Amino acid sequence: MPDPDDRPETDGSTPTVPTTAATTAATAGDLAVAPLDVDGVGAVLVGTIAWTVGLVVCLLLRDRLAADGHAWWTWVCLAAALMGLPGLWFVRRRRRVYAAAKAAPNA
């Protein structure tokens, strides 16, 4: 157990936290993370595929879902898969625009 007399002197206004090698290494500058250069195409594509697979499963099980009162799941999957299509168009278009801007000489 540490000796209470070994604590640093303070004026009592702020509590002191003992510093160790682990706490001094984790400063604000060390915690900065560079942003990923992600265009979103993969995420939207995976989401659209997942909702489409869910739609197929719901269509295969539509009688059971209807009997259990969950027929609306089919419509949710259909809506999400259809919304993914313009989303996919948008992120692919955005990726092309960013690539063109990066390739263009600075004005």
PDB file of N, CA and C in Angstrom:
ATOM      1  N   MET A   1       0.851  -1.185   0.000  1.00  0.00           N
ATOM      2  CA  MET A   1       0.000   0.000   0.000  1.00  0.00           C
ATOM      3  C   MET A   1       0.889   1.238   0.000  1.00  0.00           C
ATOM      4  N   PRO A   2       0.576   2.222  -0.893  1.00  0.00           N
ATOM      5  CA  PRO A   2       1.414   3.419  -0.948  1.00  0.00           C
ATOM      6  C   PRO A   2       1.290   4.247   0.327  1.00  0.00           C
ATOM      7  N   ASP A   3       2.366   4.908   0.648  1.00  0.00           N
ATOM      8  CA  ASP A   3       2.406   5.770   1.816  1.00  0.00           C
ATOM      9  C   ASP A   3       1.682   7.079   1.511  1.00  0.00           C
ATOM     10  N   PRO A   4       0.681   7.492   2.306  1.00  0.00           N
ATOM     11  CA  PRO A   4      -0.049   8.737   2.031  1.00  0.00           C
ATOM     12  C   PRO A   4       0.842   9.965   2.060  1.00  0.00           C
ATOM     13  N   ASP A   5       1.979   9.890   2.734  1.00  0.00           N
ATOM     14  CA  ASP A   5       2.871  11.045   2.805  1.00  0.00           C
ATOM     15  C   ASP A   5       3.662  11.234   1.519  1.00  0.00           C
ATOM     16  N   ASP A   6       3.642  10.261   0.605  1.00  0.00           N
ATOM     17  CA  ASP A   6       4.386  10.378  -0.645  1.00  0.00           C
ATOM     18  C   ASP A   6       3.598  11.103  -1.733  1.00  0.00           C
ATOM     19  N   ARG A   7       2.373  11.526  -1.446  1.00  0.00           N
ATOM     20  CA  ARG A   7       1.572  12.218  -2.446  1.00  0.00           C
ATOM     21  C   ARG A   7       2.110  13.615  -2.677  1.00  0.00           C
ATOM     22  N   PRO A   8       1.945  14.139  -3.903  1.00  0.00           N
ATOM     23  CA  PRO A   8       2.426  15.504  -4.170  1.00  0.00           C
ATOM     24  C   PRO A   8       1.604  16.540  -3.414  1.00  0.00           C
ATOM     25  N   GLU A   9       2.235  17.661  -3.141  1.00  0.00           N
ATOM     26  CA  GLU A   9       1.573  18.759  -2.440  1.00  0.00           C
ATOM     27  C   GLU A   9       0.565  19.424  -3.376  1.00  0.00           C
ATOM     28  N   THR A  10      -0.640  19.718  -2.887  1.00  0.00           N
ATOM     29  CA  THR A  10      -1.647  20.443  -3.657  1.00  0.00           C
ATOM     30  C   THR A  10      -2.243  21.510  -2.782  1.00  0.00           C
ATOM     31  N   ASP A  11      -2.930  22.442  -3.434  1.00  0.00           N
ATOM     32  CA  ASP A  11      -3.605  23.495  -2.678  1.00  0.00           C
ATOM     33  C   ASP A  11      -5.000  23.063  -2.252  1.00  0.00           C
ATOM     34  N   GLY A  12      -5.413  21.847  -2.623  1.00  0.00           N
ATOM     35  CA  GLY A  12      -6.701  21.328  -2.224  1.00  0.00           C
ATOM     36  C   GLY A  12      -7.821  21.633  -3.199  1.00  0.00           C
ATOM     37  N   SER A  13      -7.546  22.430  -4.254  1.00  0.00           N
ATOM     38  CA  SER A  13      -8.612  22.795  -5.179  1.00  0.00           C
ATOM     39  C   SER A  13      -8.897  21.695  -6.192  1.00  0.00           C
ATOM     40  N   THR A  14      -7.887  20.938  -6.587  1.00  0.00           N
ATOM     41  CA  THR A  14      -8.092  19.872  -7.559  1.00  0.00           C
ATOM     42  C   THR A  14      -7.484  18.592  -7.022  1.00  0.00           C
ATOM     43  N   PRO A  15      -8.175  17.509  -7.212  1.00  0.00           N
ATOM     44  CA  PRO A  15      -7.607  16.246  -6.748  1.00  0.00           C
ATOM     45  C   PRO A  15      -6.458  15.823  -7.661  1.00  0.00           C
ATOM     46  N   THR A  16      -5.525  15.124  -7.088  1.00  0.00           N
ATOM     47  CA  THR A  16      -4.402  14.631  -7.878  1.00  0.00           C
ATOM     48  C   THR A  16      -4.631  13.170  -8.201  1.00  0.00           C
ATOM     49  N   VAL A  17      -4.160  12.789  -9.358  1.00  0.00           N
ATOM     50  CA  VAL A  17      -4.254  11.405  -9.789  1.00  0.00           C
ATOM     51  C   VAL A  17      -2.829  10.895  -9.903  1.00  0.00           C
ATOM     52  N   PRO A  18      -2.539   9.776  -9.282  1.00  0.00           N
ATOM     53  CA  PRO A  18      -1.184   9.262  -9.402  1.00  0.00           C
ATOM     54  C   PRO A  18      -0.882   8.925 -10.860  1.00  0.00           C
ATOM     55  N   THR A  19       0.310   9.292 -11.290  1.00  0.00           N
ATOM     56  CA  THR A  19       0.685   9.019 -12.676  1.00  0.00           C
ATOM     57  C   THR A  19       1.554   7.776 -12.732  1.00  0.00           C
ATOM     58  N   THR A  20       1.312   7.011 -13.755  1.00  0.00           N
ATOM     59  CA  THR A  20       2.132   5.832 -14.012  1.00  0.00           C
ATOM     60  C   THR A  20       2.589   5.903 -15.452  1.00  0.00           C
ATOM     61  N   ALA A  21       3.375   4.959 -15.857  1.00  0.00           N
ATOM     62  CA  ALA A  21       3.840   4.930 -17.237  1.00  0.00           C
ATOM     63  C   ALA A  21       2.664   4.773 -18.190  1.00  0.00           C
ATOM     64  N   ALA A  22       1.651   4.031 -17.785  1.00  0.00           N
ATOM     65  CA  ALA A  22       0.492   3.814 -18.655  1.00  0.00           C
ATOM     66  C   ALA A  22      -0.327   5.092 -18.821  1.00  0.00           C
ATOM     67  N   THR A  23      -0.493   5.865 -17.739  1.00  0.00           N
ATOM     68  CA  THR A  23      -1.306   7.071 -17.854  1.00  0.00           C
ATOM     69  C   THR A  23      -0.560   8.188 -18.554  1.00  0.00           C
ATOM     70  N   THR A  24       0.742   8.264 -18.420  1.00  0.00           N
ATOM     71  CA  THR A  24       1.476   9.327 -19.093  1.00  0.00           C
ATOM     72  C   THR A  24       1.628   9.033 -20.580  1.00  0.00           C
ATOM     73  N   ALA A  25       1.599   7.767 -20.992  1.00  0.00           N
ATOM     74  CA  ALA A  25       1.727   7.424 -22.404  1.00  0.00           C
ATOM     75  C   ALA A  25       0.448   7.733 -23.167  1.00  0.00           C
ATOM     76  N   ALA A  26      -0.690   7.725 -22.502  1.00  0.00           N
ATOM     77  CA  ALA A  26      -1.968   7.942 -23.169  1.00  0.00           C
ATOM     78  C   ALA A  26      -2.356   9.409 -23.066  1.00  0.00           C
ATOM     79  N   THR A  27      -1.725  10.240 -23.834  1.00  0.00           N
ATOM     80  CA  THR A  27      -2.063  11.659 -23.867  1.00  0.00           C
ATOM     81  C   THR A  27      -2.992  11.919 -25.029  1.00  0.00           C
ATOM     82  N   ALA A  28      -3.518  13.121 -25.102  1.00  0.00           N
ATOM     83  CA  ALA A  28      -4.473  13.452 -26.159  1.00  0.00           C
ATOM     84  C   ALA A  28      -3.844  13.302 -27.543  1.00  0.00           C
ATOM     85  N   GLY A  29      -2.593  13.655 -27.698  1.00  0.00           N
ATOM     86  CA  GLY A  29      -1.933  13.530 -28.991  1.00  0.00           C
ATOM     87  C   GLY A  29      -1.762  12.085 -29.408  1.00  0.00           C
ATOM     88  N   ASP A  30      -1.561  11.200 -28.432  1.00  0.00           N
ATOM     89  CA  ASP A  30      -1.382   9.790 -28.755  1.00  0.00           C
ATOM     90  C   ASP A  30      -2.695   9.129 -29.158  1.00  0.00           C
ATOM     91  N   LEU A  31      -3.818   9.692 -28.732  1.00  0.00           N
ATOM     92  CA  LEU A  31      -5.104   9.071 -28.993  1.00  0.00           C
ATOM     93  C   LEU A  31      -5.725   9.513 -30.319  1.00  0.00           C
ATOM     94  N   ALA A  32      -5.101  10.469 -30.998  1.00  0.00           N
ATOM     95  CA  ALA A  32      -5.643  10.927 -32.274  1.00  0.00           C
ATOM     96  C   ALA A  32      -5.519   9.815 -33.309  1.00  0.00           C
ATOM     97  N   VAL A  33      -6.622   9.545 -33.991  1.00  0.00           N
ATOM     98  CA  VAL A  33      -6.661   8.498 -34.994  1.00  0.00           C
ATOM     99  C   VAL A  33      -6.953   9.139 -36.338  1.00  0.00           C
ATOM    100  N   ALA A  34      -6.192   8.770 -37.337  1.00  0.00           N
ATOM    101  CA  ALA A  34      -6.417   9.307 -38.667  1.00  0.00           C
ATOM    102  C   ALA A  34      -7.722   8.741 -39.225  1.00  0.00           C
ATOM    103  N   PRO A  35      -8.518   9.569 -39.901  1.00  0.00           N
ATOM    104  CA  PRO A  35      -9.772   9.069 -40.457  1.00  0.00           C
ATOM    105  C   PRO A  35      -9.516   8.089 -41.592  1.00  0.00           C
ATOM    106  N   LEU A  36     -10.413   7.125 -41.717  1.00  0.00           N
ATOM    107  CA  LEU A  36     -10.312   6.162 -42.804  1.00  0.00           C
ATOM    108  C   LEU A  36     -10.778   6.811 -44.097  1.00  0.00           C
ATOM    109  N   ASP A  37     -10.160   6.437 -45.181  1.00  0.00           N
ATOM    110  CA  ASP A  37     -10.575   6.928 -46.490  1.00  0.00           C
ATOM    111  C   ASP A  37     -11.544   5.910 -47.080  1.00  0.00           C
ATOM    112  N   VAL A  38     -12.775   5.942 -46.589  1.00  0.00           N
ATOM    113  CA  VAL A  38     -13.792   4.975 -46.986  1.00  0.00           C
ATOM    114  C   VAL A  38     -14.860   5.709 -47.777  1.00  0.00           C
ATOM    115  N   ASP A  39     -15.267   5.117 -48.901  1.00  0.00           N
ATOM    116  CA  ASP A  39     -16.254   5.785 -49.734  1.00  0.00           C
ATOM    117  C   ASP A  39     -17.684   5.328 -49.472  1.00  0.00           C
ATOM    118  N   GLY A  40     -17.889   4.304 -48.690  1.00  0.00           N
ATOM    119  CA  GLY A  40     -19.218   3.864 -48.318  1.00  0.00           C
ATOM    120  C   GLY A  40     -19.847   2.858 -49.265  1.00  0.00           C
ATOM    121  N   VAL A  41     -19.215   2.583 -50.388  1.00  0.00           N
ATOM    122  CA  VAL A  41     -19.804   1.659 -51.358  1.00  0.00           C
ATOM    123  C   VAL A  41     -19.939   0.262 -50.751  1.00  0.00           C
ATOM    124  N   GLY A  42     -18.921  -0.197 -50.076  1.00  0.00           N
ATOM    125  CA  GLY A  42     -18.951  -1.530 -49.476  1.00  0.00           C
ATOM    126  C   GLY A  42     -20.050  -1.677 -48.447  1.00  0.00           C
ATOM    127  N   ALA A  43     -20.201  -0.675 -47.594  1.00  0.00           N
ATOM    128  CA  ALA A  43     -21.222  -0.747 -46.545  1.00  0.00           C
ATOM    129  C   ALA A  43     -22.629  -0.763 -47.139  1.00  0.00           C
ATOM    130  N   VAL A  44     -22.878   0.089 -48.111  1.00  0.00           N
ATOM    131  CA  VAL A  44     -24.209   0.139 -48.718  1.00  0.00           C
ATOM    132  C   VAL A  44     -24.472  -1.139 -49.512  1.00  0.00           C
ATOM    133  N   LEU A  45     -23.450  -1.644 -50.187  1.00  0.00           N
ATOM    134  CA  LEU A  45     -23.618  -2.875 -50.959  1.00  0.00           C
ATOM    135  C   LEU A  45     -23.929  -4.064 -50.043  1.00  0.00           C
ATOM    136  N   VAL A  46     -23.179  -4.189 -48.952  1.00  0.00           N
ATOM    137  CA  VAL A  46     -23.416  -5.284 -48.012  1.00  0.00           C
ATOM    138  C   VAL A  46     -24.807  -5.157 -47.383  1.00  0.00           C
ATOM    139  N   GLY A  47     -25.204  -3.951 -47.023  1.00  0.00           N
ATOM    140  CA  GLY A  47     -26.531  -3.757 -46.451  1.00  0.00           C
ATOM    141  C   GLY A  47     -27.643  -4.096 -47.425  1.00  0.00           C
ATOM    142  N   THR A  48     -27.486  -3.690 -48.669  1.00  0.00           N
ATOM    143  CA  THR A  48     -28.502  -3.983 -49.680  1.00  0.00           C
ATOM    144  C   THR A  48     -28.594  -5.476 -49.928  1.00  0.00           C
ATOM    145  N   ILE A  49     -27.460  -6.144 -49.994  1.00  0.00           N
ATOM    146  CA  ILE A  49     -27.459  -7.595 -50.184  1.00  0.00           C
ATOM    147  C   ILE A  49     -28.104  -8.293 -48.984  1.00  0.00           C
ATOM    148  N   ALA A  50     -27.784  -7.840 -47.783  1.00  0.00           N
ATOM    149  CA  ALA A  50     -28.352  -8.458 -46.584  1.00  0.00           C
ATOM    150  C   ALA A  50     -29.877  -8.318 -46.568  1.00  0.00           C
ATOM    151  N   TRP A  51     -30.401  -7.133 -46.909  1.00  0.00           N
ATOM    152  CA  TRP A  51     -31.850  -6.946 -46.930  1.00  0.00           C
ATOM    153  C   TRP A  51     -32.491  -7.761 -48.049  1.00  0.00           C
ATOM    154  N   THR A  52     -31.782  -7.920 -49.159  1.00  0.00           N
ATOM    155  CA  THR A  52     -32.315  -8.740 -50.247  1.00  0.00           C
ATOM    156  C   THR A  52     -32.377 -10.208 -49.835  1.00  0.00           C
ATOM    157  N   VAL A  53     -31.361 -10.677 -49.151  1.00  0.00           N
ATOM    158  CA  VAL A  53     -31.383 -12.058 -48.634  1.00  0.00           C
ATOM    159  C   VAL A  53     -32.522 -12.209 -47.627  1.00  0.00           C
ATOM    160  N   GLY A  54     -32.697 -11.215 -46.777  1.00  0.00           N
ATOM    161  CA  GLY A  54     -33.816 -11.245 -45.829  1.00  0.00           C
ATOM    162  C   GLY A  54     -35.157 -11.285 -46.541  1.00  0.00           C
ATOM    163  N   LEU A  55     -35.270 -10.562 -47.649  1.00  0.00           N
ATOM    164  CA  LEU A  55     -36.500 -10.577 -48.430  1.00  0.00           C
ATOM    165  C   LEU A  55     -36.772 -11.973 -48.994  1.00  0.00           C
ATOM    166  N   VAL A  56     -35.736 -12.611 -49.523  1.00  0.00           N
ATOM    167  CA  VAL A  56     -35.898 -13.967 -50.071  1.00  0.00           C
ATOM    168  C   VAL A  56     -36.327 -14.934 -48.973  1.00  0.00           C
ATOM    169  N   VAL A  57     -35.707 -14.836 -47.813  1.00  0.00           N
ATOM    170  CA  VAL A  57     -36.078 -15.719 -46.692  1.00  0.00           C
ATOM    171  C   VAL A  57     -37.520 -15.461 -46.283  1.00  0.00           C
ATOM    172  N   CYS A  58     -37.919 -14.195 -46.202  1.00  0.00           N
ATOM    173  CA  CYS A  58     -39.300 -13.878 -45.828  1.00  0.00           C
ATOM    174  C   CYS A  58     -40.286 -14.391 -46.868  1.00  0.00           C
ATOM    175  N   LEU A  59     -39.909 -14.318 -48.134  1.00  0.00           N
ATOM    176  CA  LEU A  59     -40.799 -14.840 -49.169  1.00  0.00           C
ATOM    177  C   LEU A  59     -40.925 -16.360 -49.072  1.00  0.00           C
ATOM    178  N   LEU A  60     -39.832 -17.020 -48.726  1.00  0.00           N
ATOM    179  CA  LEU A  60     -39.885 -18.471 -48.565  1.00  0.00           C
ATOM    180  C   LEU A  60     -40.720 -18.883 -47.352  1.00  0.00           C
ATOM    181  N   LEU A  61     -40.732 -18.048 -46.333  1.00  0.00           N
ATOM    182  CA  LEU A  61     -41.444 -18.367 -45.094  1.00  0.00           C
ATOM    183  C   LEU A  61     -42.699 -17.525 -44.916  1.00  0.00           C
ATOM    184  N   ARG A  62     -43.257 -17.016 -45.998  1.00  0.00           N
ATOM    185  CA  ARG A  62     -44.360 -16.056 -45.869  1.00  0.00           C
ATOM    186  C   ARG A  62     -45.596 -16.638 -45.189  1.00  0.00           C
ATOM    187  N   ASP A  63     -45.883 -17.914 -45.406  1.00  0.00           N
ATOM    188  CA  ASP A  63     -47.053 -18.507 -44.748  1.00  0.00           C
ATOM    189  C   ASP A  63     -46.870 -18.559 -43.232  1.00  0.00           C
ATOM    190  N   ARG A  64     -45.695 -18.966 -42.805  1.00  0.00           N
ATOM    191  CA  ARG A  64     -45.413 -19.028 -41.364  1.00  0.00           C
ATOM    192  C   ARG A  64     -45.408 -17.627 -40.751  1.00  0.00           C
ATOM    193  N   LEU A  65     -44.810 -16.666 -41.461  1.00  0.00           N
ATOM    194  CA  LEU A  65     -44.782 -15.293 -40.949  1.00  0.00           C
ATOM    195  C   LEU A  65     -46.194 -14.727 -40.837  1.00  0.00           C
ATOM    196  N   ALA A  66     -47.028 -15.008 -41.841  1.00  0.00           N
ATOM    197  CA  ALA A  66     -48.411 -14.513 -41.804  1.00  0.00           C
ATOM    198  C   ALA A  66     -49.187 -15.141 -40.650  1.00  0.00           C
ATOM    199  N   ALA A  67     -48.956 -16.424 -40.402  1.00  0.00           N
ATOM    200  CA  ALA A  67     -49.652 -17.103 -39.312  1.00  0.00           C
ATOM    201  C   ALA A  67     -49.248 -16.541 -37.948  1.00  0.00           C
ATOM    202  N   ASP A  68     -47.994 -16.099 -37.846  1.00  0.00           N
ATOM    203  CA  ASP A  68     -47.507 -15.547 -36.581  1.00  0.00           C
ATOM    204  C   ASP A  68     -47.718 -14.042 -36.467  1.00  0.00           C
ATOM    205  N   GLY A  69     -48.309 -13.434 -37.500  1.00  0.00           N
ATOM    206  CA  GLY A  69     -48.549 -11.989 -37.460  1.00  0.00           C
ATOM    207  C   GLY A  69     -47.346 -11.154 -37.831  1.00  0.00           C
ATOM    208  N   HIS A  70     -46.394 -11.747 -38.540  1.00  0.00           N
ATOM    209  CA  HIS A  70     -45.175 -11.030 -38.921  1.00  0.00           C
ATOM    210  C   HIS A  70     -45.050 -10.853 -40.427  1.00  0.00           C
ATOM    211  N   ALA A  71     -46.149 -10.810 -41.135  1.00  0.00           N
ATOM    212  CA  ALA A  71     -46.099 -10.649 -42.590  1.00  0.00           C
ATOM    213  C   ALA A  71     -45.471  -9.310 -42.987  1.00  0.00           C
ATOM    214  N   TRP A  72     -45.517  -8.345 -42.108  1.00  0.00           N
ATOM    215  CA  TRP A  72     -44.939  -7.031 -42.401  1.00  0.00           C
ATOM    216  C   TRP A  72     -43.428  -7.081 -42.563  1.00  0.00           C
ATOM    217  N   TRP A  73     -42.771  -8.126 -42.040  1.00  0.00           N
ATOM    218  CA  TRP A  73     -41.320  -8.239 -42.193  1.00  0.00           C
ATOM    219  C   TRP A  73     -40.935  -8.265 -43.664  1.00  0.00           C
ATOM    220  N   THR A  74     -41.759  -8.889 -44.487  1.00  0.00           N
ATOM    221  CA  THR A  74     -41.480  -8.952 -45.923  1.00  0.00           C
ATOM    222  C   THR A  74     -41.434  -7.551 -46.513  1.00  0.00           C
ATOM    223  N   TRP A  75     -42.379  -6.716 -46.118  1.00  0.00           N
ATOM    224  CA  TRP A  75     -42.416  -5.354 -46.648  1.00  0.00           C
ATOM    225  C   TRP A  75     -41.246  -4.520 -46.157  1.00  0.00           C
ATOM    226  N   VAL A  76     -40.815  -4.757 -44.942  1.00  0.00           N
ATOM    227  CA  VAL A  76     -39.647  -4.030 -44.422  1.00  0.00           C
ATOM    228  C   VAL A  76     -38.400  -4.399 -45.232  1.00  0.00           C
ATOM    229  N   CYS A  77     -38.216  -5.696 -45.477  1.00  0.00           N
ATOM    230  CA  CYS A  77     -37.066  -6.145 -46.273  1.00  0.00           C
ATOM    231  C   CYS A  77     -37.134  -5.597 -47.686  1.00  0.00           C
ATOM    232  N   LEU A  78     -38.313  -5.591 -48.277  1.00  0.00           N
ATOM    233  CA  LEU A  78     -38.469  -5.055 -49.631  1.00  0.00           C
ATOM    234  C   LEU A  78     -38.140  -3.564 -49.668  1.00  0.00           C
ATOM    235  N   ALA A  79     -38.676  -2.815 -48.717  1.00  0.00           N
ATOM    236  CA  ALA A  79     -38.412  -1.377 -48.679  1.00  0.00           C
ATOM    237  C   ALA A  79     -36.927  -1.091 -48.483  1.00  0.00           C
ATOM    238  N   ALA A  80     -36.282  -1.820 -47.577  1.00  0.00           N
ATOM    239  CA  ALA A  80     -34.859  -1.579 -47.314  1.00  0.00           C
ATOM    240  C   ALA A  80     -34.010  -1.944 -48.527  1.00  0.00           C
ATOM    241  N   ALA A  81     -34.326  -3.059 -49.185  1.00  0.00           N
ATOM    242  CA  ALA A  81     -33.567  -3.455 -50.374  1.00  0.00           C
ATOM    243  C   ALA A  81     -33.755  -2.432 -51.489  1.00  0.00           C
ATOM    244  N   LEU A  82     -34.972  -1.937 -51.663  1.00  0.00           N
ATOM    245  CA  LEU A  82     -35.221  -0.936 -52.709  1.00  0.00           C
ATOM    246  C   LEU A  82     -34.564   0.401 -52.381  1.00  0.00           C
ATOM    247  N   MET A  83     -34.519   0.764 -51.099  1.00  0.00           N
ATOM    248  CA  MET A  83     -33.845   2.009 -50.722  1.00  0.00           C
ATOM    249  C   MET A  83     -32.335   1.887 -50.880  1.00  0.00           C
ATOM    250  N   GLY A  84     -31.827   0.676 -50.809  1.00  0.00           N
ATOM    251  CA  GLY A  84     -30.398   0.486 -51.006  1.00  0.00           C
ATOM    252  C   GLY A  84     -29.954   0.746 -52.430  1.00  0.00           C
ATOM    253  N   LEU A  85     -30.848   0.568 -53.389  1.00  0.00           N
ATOM    254  CA  LEU A  85     -30.470   0.778 -54.794  1.00  0.00           C
ATOM    255  C   LEU A  85     -30.102   2.229 -55.107  1.00  0.00           C
ATOM    256  N   PRO A  86     -30.939   3.219 -54.758  1.00  0.00           N
ATOM    257  CA  PRO A  86     -30.485   4.596 -54.984  1.00  0.00           C
ATOM    258  C   PRO A  86     -29.305   4.968 -54.075  1.00  0.00           C
ATOM    259  N   GLY A  87     -29.252   4.360 -52.900  1.00  0.00           N
ATOM    260  CA  GLY A  87     -28.100   4.599 -52.032  1.00  0.00           C
ATOM    261  C   GLY A  87     -26.814   4.115 -52.668  1.00  0.00           C
ATOM    262  N   LEU A  88     -26.878   2.957 -53.296  1.00  0.00           N
ATOM    263  CA  LEU A  88     -25.711   2.414 -53.994  1.00  0.00           C
ATOM    264  C   LEU A  88     -25.327   3.307 -55.164  1.00  0.00           C
ATOM    265  N   TRP A  89     -26.310   3.774 -55.905  1.00  0.00           N
ATOM    266  CA  TRP A  89     -26.031   4.699 -57.006  1.00  0.00           C
ATOM    267  C   TRP A  89     -25.337   5.960 -56.471  1.00  0.00           C
ATOM    268  N   PHE A  90     -25.845   6.490 -55.361  1.00  0.00           N
ATOM    269  CA  PHE A  90     -25.294   7.726 -54.803  1.00  0.00           C
ATOM    270  C   PHE A  90     -23.845   7.555 -54.356  1.00  0.00           C
ATOM    271  N   VAL A  91     -23.539   6.496 -53.601  1.00  0.00           N
ATOM    272  CA  VAL A  91     -22.177   6.354 -53.085  1.00  0.00           C
ATOM    273  C   VAL A  91     -21.194   6.019 -54.206  1.00  0.00           C
ATOM    274  N   ARG A  92     -21.640   5.296 -55.236  1.00  0.00           N
ATOM    275  CA  ARG A  92     -20.750   5.039 -56.378  1.00  0.00           C
ATOM    276  C   ARG A  92     -20.467   6.331 -57.134  1.00  0.00           C
ATOM    277  N   ARG A  93     -21.498   7.165 -57.298  1.00  0.00           N
ATOM    278  CA  ARG A  93     -21.311   8.459 -57.952  1.00  0.00           C
ATOM    279  C   ARG A  93     -20.371   9.342 -57.137  1.00  0.00           C
ATOM    280  N   ARG A  94     -20.555   9.348 -55.821  1.00  0.00           N
ATOM    281  CA  ARG A  94     -19.697  10.143 -54.942  1.00  0.00           C
ATOM    282  C   ARG A  94     -18.254   9.669 -55.022  1.00  0.00           C
ATOM    283  N   ARG A  95     -18.041   8.340 -55.092  1.00  0.00           N
ATOM    284  CA  ARG A  95     -16.687   7.801 -55.212  1.00  0.00           C
ATOM    285  C   ARG A  95     -16.029   8.284 -56.507  1.00  0.00           C
ATOM    286  N   ARG A  96     -16.794   8.294 -57.602  1.00  0.00           N
ATOM    287  CA  ARG A  96     -16.242   8.782 -58.873  1.00  0.00           C
ATOM    288  C   ARG A  96     -15.875  10.261 -58.783  1.00  0.00           C
ATOM    289  N   VAL A  97     -16.735  11.064 -58.161  1.00  0.00           N
ATOM    290  CA  VAL A  97     -16.471  12.496 -58.031  1.00  0.00           C
ATOM    291  C   VAL A  97     -15.224  12.732 -57.183  1.00  0.00           C
ATOM    292  N   TYR A  98     -15.089  12.017 -56.073  1.00  0.00           N
ATOM    293  CA  TYR A  98     -13.906  12.175 -55.221  1.00  0.00           C
ATOM    294  C   TYR A  98     -12.645  11.747 -55.949  1.00  0.00           C
ATOM    295  N   ALA A  99     -12.726  10.652 -56.713  1.00  0.00           N
ATOM    296  CA  ALA A  99     -11.551  10.185 -57.457  1.00  0.00           C
ATOM    297  C   ALA A  99     -11.153  11.204 -58.520  1.00  0.00           C
ATOM    298  N   ALA A 100     -12.128  11.799 -59.192  1.00  0.00           N
ATOM    299  CA  ALA A 100     -11.838  12.799 -60.199  1.00  0.00           C
ATOM    300  C   ALA A 100     -11.232  14.056 -59.568  1.00  0.00           C
ATOM    301  N   ALA A 101     -11.729  14.453 -58.408  1.00  0.00           N
ATOM    302  CA  ALA A 101     -11.187  15.620 -57.717  1.00  0.00           C
ATOM    303  C   ALA A 101      -9.771  15.381 -57.236  1.00  0.00           C
ATOM    304  N   LYS A 102      -9.498  14.145 -56.805  1.00  0.00           N
ATOM    305  CA  LYS A 102      -8.161  13.829 -56.337  1.00  0.00           C
ATOM    306  C   LYS A 102      -7.170  13.791 -57.492  1.00  0.00           C
ATOM    307  N   ALA A 103      -7.621  13.319 -58.657  1.00  0.00           N
ATOM    308  CA  ALA A 103      -6.749  13.195 -59.831  1.00  0.00           C
ATOM    309  C   ALA A 103      -6.521  14.530 -60.517  1.00  0.00           C
ATOM    310  N   ALA A 104      -7.442  15.473 -60.375  1.00  0.00           N
ATOM    311  CA  ALA A 104      -7.327  16.772 -61.048  1.00  0.00           C
ATOM    312  C   ALA A 104      -6.223  17.605 -60.388  1.00  0.00           C
ATOM    313  N   PRO A 105      -5.487  18.356 -61.218  1.00  0.00           N
ATOM    314  CA  PRO A 105      -4.445  19.226 -60.627  1.00  0.00           C
ATOM    315  C   PRO A 105      -5.117  20.327 -59.803  1.00  0.00           C
ATOM    316  N   ASN A 106      -4.440  20.739 -58.761  1.00  0.00           N
ATOM    317  CA  ASN A 106      -4.981  21.800 -57.899  1.00  0.00           C
ATOM    318  C   ASN A 106      -5.000  23.108 -58.645  1.00  0.00           C
ATOM    319  N   ALA A 107      -6.104  23.829 -58.511  1.00  0.00           N
ATOM    320  CA  ALA A 107      -6.254  25.101 -59.220  1.00  0.00           C
ATOM    321  C   ALA A 107      -5.673  26.239 -58.404  1.00  0.00           C
TER     322      ALA A 107
END
